[in-house]
């Protein structure tokens, strides 16, 4: 069975510690950034294999995780946004406003 080197999860519905402990039990070579769920909604995780990816920058909010990585075998540098937003208009507005501020749009 192949094991992924990069995983992006939305709506994990669990706390940060749960994802990190599951990762240690099931995916031994990972690093990552995790945002806890709020009650039974939301939750984000961006996980990667540290021997395959180098992290240059990362930032996280309740609604998104930004990660800038280099894929070491190919030397390809790229950025990821992992996004989850509730259907409420105010939540969506908050998400897009924080992203715009982060990107200085």
Protein backbone atom coordinates (compact mmCIF):
# COMPACT_ATOMS: atom_id res chain seq x y z
CA UNK A 1 0.00 0.00 0.00
CA UNK A 2 1.26 3.46 -0.91
CA UNK A 3 1.37 6.11 1.80
CA UNK A 4 0.81 9.75 0.86
CA UNK A 5 3.45 12.39 1.48
CA UNK A 6 0.94 15.25 1.69
CA UNK A 7 -2.59 15.21 3.13
CA UNK A 8 -5.09 18.06 3.28
CA UNK A 9 -8.21 17.48 5.41
CA UNK A 10 -11.29 19.65 5.89
CA UNK A 11 -14.07 19.23 8.42
CA UNK A 12 -12.11 16.87 10.64
CA UNK A 13 -14.68 17.46 13.42
CA UNK A 14 -12.06 16.79 16.09
CA UNK A 15 -9.60 18.68 18.25
CA UNK A 16 -6.03 19.43 17.20
CA UNK A 17 -4.51 16.92 19.64
CA UNK A 18 -6.65 14.09 18.26
CA UNK A 19 -5.41 14.61 14.70
CA UNK A 20 -1.79 14.88 15.84
CA UNK A 21 -1.99 11.71 17.95
CA UNK A 22 -3.74 9.81 15.13
CA UNK A 23 -0.96 10.95 12.81
CA UNK A 24 1.71 9.65 15.16
CA UNK A 25 -0.04 6.28 15.38
CA UNK A 26 -0.87 5.92 11.68
CA UNK A 27 1.56 8.11 9.74
CA UNK A 28 4.95 8.03 11.45
CA UNK A 29 6.84 10.46 9.21
CA UNK A 30 4.54 13.46 9.31
CA UNK A 31 4.66 17.08 10.28
CA UNK A 32 1.73 19.39 10.05
CA UNK A 33 -0.54 22.22 11.04
CA UNK A 34 -3.95 21.52 12.55
CA UNK A 35 -6.86 23.75 13.53
CA UNK A 36 -9.40 22.34 15.97
CA UNK A 37 -13.07 21.95 15.14
CA UNK A 38 -15.65 24.13 16.84
CA UNK A 39 -18.03 21.68 18.43
CA UNK A 40 -19.06 19.19 15.74
CA UNK A 41 -18.16 21.50 12.82
CA UNK A 42 -15.01 22.44 11.01
CA UNK A 43 -11.47 21.47 11.74
CA UNK A 44 -8.56 21.55 9.30
CA UNK A 45 -5.30 19.66 8.90
CA UNK A 46 -2.42 20.02 6.45
CA UNK A 47 0.10 17.21 6.98
CA UNK A 48 3.31 16.39 5.11
CA UNK A 49 6.32 14.09 5.20
CA UNK A 50 9.23 16.11 6.53
CA UNK A 51 11.83 14.19 4.49
CA UNK A 52 9.94 15.05 1.27
CA UNK A 53 8.84 18.65 1.97
CA UNK A 54 10.54 21.67 3.47
CA UNK A 55 8.28 24.33 5.02
CA UNK A 56 9.16 27.97 4.32
CA UNK A 57 6.12 29.73 5.70
CA UNK A 58 2.81 28.90 7.33
CA UNK A 59 -0.10 30.72 8.86
CA UNK A 60 -3.43 29.49 10.19
CA UNK A 61 -6.82 30.88 11.18
CA UNK A 62 -10.01 29.14 12.21
CA UNK A 63 -11.06 29.05 8.53
CA UNK A 64 -7.86 28.32 6.61
CA UNK A 65 -4.27 27.11 6.74
CA UNK A 66 -1.65 28.57 4.40
CA UNK A 67 1.53 26.57 3.85
CA UNK A 68 4.46 27.34 1.55
CA UNK A 69 6.51 24.22 0.83
CA UNK A 70 9.32 22.93 -1.34
CA UNK A 71 9.07 19.40 -2.71
CA UNK A 72 12.67 18.36 -2.08
CA UNK A 73 13.07 15.66 -4.79
CA UNK A 74 12.01 18.10 -7.55
CA UNK A 75 12.95 21.40 -5.87
CA UNK A 76 9.45 22.66 -6.78
CA UNK A 77 8.24 25.41 -4.44
CA UNK A 78 4.50 25.93 -4.04
CA UNK A 79 1.81 27.33 -1.75
CA UNK A 80 -1.37 25.70 -0.45
CA UNK A 81 -4.53 27.14 1.05
CA UNK A 82 -6.60 24.58 2.96
CA UNK A 83 -10.03 26.18 3.49
CA UNK A 84 -13.19 25.29 5.38
CA UNK A 85 -15.99 27.76 6.09
CA UNK A 86 -19.43 27.22 7.57
CA UNK A 87 -22.38 28.15 5.36
CA UNK A 88 -23.14 31.28 7.41
CA UNK A 89 -22.58 34.52 5.49
CA UNK A 90 -20.69 36.22 8.35
CA UNK A 91 -18.32 33.23 8.58
CA UNK A 92 -17.63 33.39 4.84
CA UNK A 93 -17.08 37.14 5.02
CA UNK A 94 -14.64 36.71 7.93
CA UNK A 95 -12.76 34.01 6.01
CA UNK A 96 -12.36 36.06 2.83
CA UNK A 97 -11.45 39.22 4.77
CA UNK A 98 -8.69 37.44 6.72
CA UNK A 99 -7.38 35.91 3.47
CA UNK A 100 -7.40 39.28 1.73
CA UNK A 101 -5.55 40.87 4.65
CA UNK A 102 -3.02 38.02 4.65
CA UNK A 103 -2.46 38.38 0.89
CA UNK A 104 -2.58 42.21 1.17
CA UNK A 105 -5.21 42.48 -1.55
